[in-house]
């Protein structure tokens, strides 16, 4: 069970999928259904060639393991402003349908001081 982050400006293009097979060398996976969006995996170059971003690629995360959300060791304590988990929805109505449920998540060096 994995996620693939968006490589566009639309956070909703991040996708969750399930692995159905892994190659014998462990370098290639097959997923149960095609991804809905394009995700860069080998960098990006503009059409005119002026911009070359070799390191621009989607992140892939494993969702079947425990997750640690952690602020920076140096600045979180000094600035009293650590890691945050933000949930967002596109709804502009007062009846916000967003519901967040987290499990197996450890949060360290998080939140804001004096709040």
C-alpha atoms as a PDB file:
ATOM      1  CA  UNK A   1       0.000   0.000   0.000  1.00  0.00           C
ATOM      2  CA  UNK A   2       1.728   3.204  -1.203  1.00  0.00           C
ATOM      3  CA  UNK A   3       1.148   6.829  -2.165  1.00  0.00           C
ATOM      4  CA  UNK A   4       2.648   8.810  -5.027  1.00  0.00           C
ATOM      5  CA  UNK A   5       2.911  12.565  -4.467  1.00  0.00           C
ATOM      6  CA  UNK A   6       1.784  15.157  -6.992  1.00  0.00           C
ATOM      7  CA  UNK A   7       4.418  16.776  -9.206  1.00  0.00           C
ATOM      8  CA  UNK A   8       2.020  19.535 -10.234  1.00  0.00           C
ATOM      9  CA  UNK A   9       0.571  22.443  -8.274  1.00  0.00           C
ATOM     10  CA  UNK A  10      -2.545  20.420  -7.437  1.00  0.00           C
ATOM     11  CA  UNK A  11      -2.137  18.606  -4.111  1.00  0.00           C
ATOM     12  CA  UNK A  12      -5.211  16.535  -4.957  1.00  0.00           C
ATOM     13  CA  UNK A  13      -3.195  14.761  -7.664  1.00  0.00           C
ATOM     14  CA  UNK A  14      -1.424  12.715  -4.993  1.00  0.00           C
ATOM     15  CA  UNK A  15      -2.596   9.145  -5.363  1.00  0.00           C
ATOM     16  CA  UNK A  16      -2.937   6.082  -3.180  1.00  0.00           C
ATOM     17  CA  UNK A  17      -2.521   2.633  -4.695  1.00  0.00           C
ATOM     18  CA  UNK A  18      -1.792  -0.996  -3.899  1.00  0.00           C
ATOM     19  CA  UNK A  19       1.173  -3.058  -5.066  1.00  0.00           C
ATOM     20  CA  UNK A  20       0.224  -6.268  -6.876  1.00  0.00           C
ATOM     21  CA  UNK A  21       3.714  -7.541  -7.793  1.00  0.00           C
ATOM     22  CA  UNK A  22       7.407  -6.791  -7.248  1.00  0.00           C
ATOM     23  CA  UNK A  23      10.186  -7.739  -9.683  1.00  0.00           C
ATOM     24  CA  UNK A  24      12.740 -10.320  -8.560  1.00  0.00           C
ATOM     25  CA  UNK A  25      15.414  -7.621  -8.136  1.00  0.00           C
ATOM     26  CA  UNK A  26      12.996  -5.433  -6.096  1.00  0.00           C
ATOM     27  CA  UNK A  27      13.376  -2.413  -8.417  1.00  0.00           C
ATOM     28  CA  UNK A  28      10.058  -2.515 -10.325  1.00  0.00           C
ATOM     29  CA  UNK A  29       6.534  -2.746  -8.947  1.00  0.00           C
ATOM     30  CA  UNK A  30       3.163  -3.348 -10.533  1.00  0.00           C
ATOM     31  CA  UNK A  31       0.088  -1.660  -9.100  1.00  0.00           C
ATOM     32  CA  UNK A  32      -3.502  -2.872  -9.089  1.00  0.00           C
ATOM     33  CA  UNK A  33      -4.856  -0.049 -11.261  1.00  0.00           C
ATOM     34  CA  UNK A  34      -3.372   2.713 -13.466  1.00  0.00           C
ATOM     35  CA  UNK A  35      -2.570   6.084 -11.903  1.00  0.00           C
ATOM     36  CA  UNK A  36      -5.041   8.829 -12.835  1.00  0.00           C
ATOM     37  CA  UNK A  37      -2.444  11.607 -13.133  1.00  0.00           C
ATOM     38  CA  UNK A  38       1.005  12.031 -14.611  1.00  0.00           C
ATOM     39  CA  UNK A  39       3.825  11.893 -12.036  1.00  0.00           C
ATOM     40  CA  UNK A  40       7.368  12.924 -13.001  1.00  0.00           C
ATOM     41  CA  UNK A  41       9.980  10.299 -12.205  1.00  0.00           C
ATOM     42  CA  UNK A  42      13.143  11.334 -14.027  1.00  0.00           C
ATOM     43  CA  UNK A  43      13.305  15.110 -13.778  1.00  0.00           C
ATOM     44  CA  UNK A  44      11.834  17.792 -16.001  1.00  0.00           C
ATOM     45  CA  UNK A  45      13.086  20.067 -18.785  1.00  0.00           C
ATOM     46  CA  UNK A  46      11.082  23.010 -20.158  1.00  0.00           C
ATOM     47  CA  UNK A  47      10.063  22.900 -23.837  1.00  0.00           C
ATOM     48  CA  UNK A  48      12.512  25.687 -24.694  1.00  0.00           C
ATOM     49  CA  UNK A  49      15.339  23.917 -22.835  1.00  0.00           C
ATOM     50  CA  UNK A  50      16.032  26.881 -20.530  1.00  0.00           C
ATOM     51  CA  UNK A  51      15.035  25.072 -17.349  1.00  0.00           C
ATOM     52  CA  UNK A  52      16.410  21.676 -16.441  1.00  0.00           C
ATOM     53  CA  UNK A  53      15.330  20.203 -13.120  1.00  0.00           C
ATOM     54  CA  UNK A  54      17.046  16.843 -12.867  1.00  0.00           C
ATOM     55  CA  UNK A  55      15.922  16.156  -9.305  1.00  0.00           C
ATOM     56  CA  UNK A  56      12.228  16.949  -9.885  1.00  0.00           C
ATOM     57  CA  UNK A  57      10.300  13.758  -9.261  1.00  0.00           C
ATOM     58  CA  UNK A  58       7.366  12.432  -7.267  1.00  0.00           C
ATOM     59  CA  UNK A  59       7.869  11.056  -3.779  1.00  0.00           C
ATOM     60  CA  UNK A  60       6.611   7.561  -3.042  1.00  0.00           C
ATOM     61  CA  UNK A  61       5.670   6.564   0.486  1.00  0.00           C
ATOM     62  CA  UNK A  62       4.913   3.246   2.069  1.00  0.00           C
ATOM     63  CA  UNK A  63       1.592   3.367   3.940  1.00  0.00           C
ATOM     64  CA  UNK A  64       1.740  -0.027   5.606  1.00  0.00           C
ATOM     65  CA  UNK A  65       4.324   1.094   8.162  1.00  0.00           C
ATOM     66  CA  UNK A  66       4.184   3.445  11.120  1.00  0.00           C
ATOM     67  CA  UNK A  67       4.703   7.091  10.206  1.00  0.00           C
ATOM     68  CA  UNK A  68       6.725   9.686  12.140  1.00  0.00           C
ATOM     69  CA  UNK A  69       5.968  13.379  11.569  1.00  0.00           C
ATOM     70  CA  UNK A  70       8.845  15.335  13.075  1.00  0.00           C
ATOM     71  CA  UNK A  71       9.972  18.940  13.201  1.00  0.00           C
ATOM     72  CA  UNK A  72      13.568  20.054  12.714  1.00  0.00           C
ATOM     73  CA  UNK A  73      15.821  19.248  15.710  1.00  0.00           C
ATOM     74  CA  UNK A  74      17.561  22.639  15.686  1.00  0.00           C
ATOM     75  CA  UNK A  75      14.830  25.140  14.863  1.00  0.00           C
ATOM     76  CA  UNK A  76      11.682  23.525  16.285  1.00  0.00           C
ATOM     77  CA  UNK A  77      12.855  24.010  19.876  1.00  0.00           C
ATOM     78  CA  UNK A  78      14.597  27.359  19.321  1.00  0.00           C
ATOM     79  CA  UNK A  79      11.704  28.923  17.368  1.00  0.00           C
ATOM     80  CA  UNK A  80       8.950  27.031  19.230  1.00  0.00           C
ATOM     81  CA  UNK A  81       7.337  26.183  15.921  1.00  0.00           C
ATOM     82  CA  UNK A  82       7.496  22.523  14.925  1.00  0.00           C
ATOM     83  CA  UNK A  83       5.922  20.044  12.559  1.00  0.00           C
ATOM     84  CA  UNK A  84       2.239  20.342  11.730  1.00  0.00           C
ATOM     85  CA  UNK A  85      -0.286  18.049  10.124  1.00  0.00           C
ATOM     86  CA  UNK A  86      -2.670  20.045   7.938  1.00  0.00           C
ATOM     87  CA  UNK A  87      -5.923  18.647   6.578  1.00  0.00           C
ATOM     88  CA  UNK A  88      -7.666  20.667   3.892  1.00  0.00           C
ATOM     89  CA  UNK A  89     -10.735  20.491   1.705  1.00  0.00           C
ATOM     90  CA  UNK A  90     -12.027  22.445  -1.271  1.00  0.00           C
ATOM     91  CA  UNK A  91     -15.393  23.036   0.401  1.00  0.00           C
ATOM     92  CA  UNK A  92     -16.392  26.671   0.886  1.00  0.00           C
ATOM     93  CA  UNK A  93     -19.565  25.862   2.787  1.00  0.00           C
ATOM     94  CA  UNK A  94     -20.037  25.899   6.533  1.00  0.00           C
ATOM     95  CA  UNK A  95     -20.824  22.180   6.412  1.00  0.00           C
ATOM     96  CA  UNK A  96     -17.229  21.055   5.937  1.00  0.00           C
ATOM     97  CA  UNK A  97     -17.174  17.345   4.980  1.00  0.00           C
ATOM     98  CA  UNK A  98     -13.520  16.806   5.920  1.00  0.00           C
ATOM     99  CA  UNK A  99     -12.785  14.111   8.475  1.00  0.00           C
ATOM    100  CA  UNK A 100      -9.242  13.137   9.477  1.00  0.00           C
ATOM    101  CA  UNK A 101      -8.431   9.770  11.000  1.00  0.00           C
ATOM    102  CA  UNK A 102      -4.820   8.950  11.795  1.00  0.00           C
ATOM    103  CA  UNK A 103      -3.431   5.753  13.253  1.00  0.00           C
ATOM    104  CA  UNK A 104       0.089   4.495  13.871  1.00  0.00           C
ATOM    105  CA  UNK A 105       1.407   8.071  13.649  1.00  0.00           C
ATOM    106  CA  UNK A 106       4.026   9.412  16.022  1.00  0.00           C
ATOM    107  CA  UNK A 107       4.398  13.198  16.167  1.00  0.00           C
ATOM    108  CA  UNK A 108       7.630  14.719  17.537  1.00  0.00           C
ATOM    109  CA  UNK A 109       8.824  18.310  17.906  1.00  0.00           C
ATOM    110  CA  UNK A 110       5.452  19.631  16.807  1.00  0.00           C
ATOM    111  CA  UNK A 111       3.020  22.488  17.364  1.00  0.00           C
ATOM    112  CA  UNK A 112       3.587  26.071  18.480  1.00  0.00           C
ATOM    113  CA  UNK A 113       4.921  27.361  21.766  1.00  0.00           C
ATOM    114  CA  UNK A 114       2.811  29.647  23.936  1.00  0.00           C
ATOM    115  CA  UNK A 115      -0.459  28.455  22.364  1.00  0.00           C
END
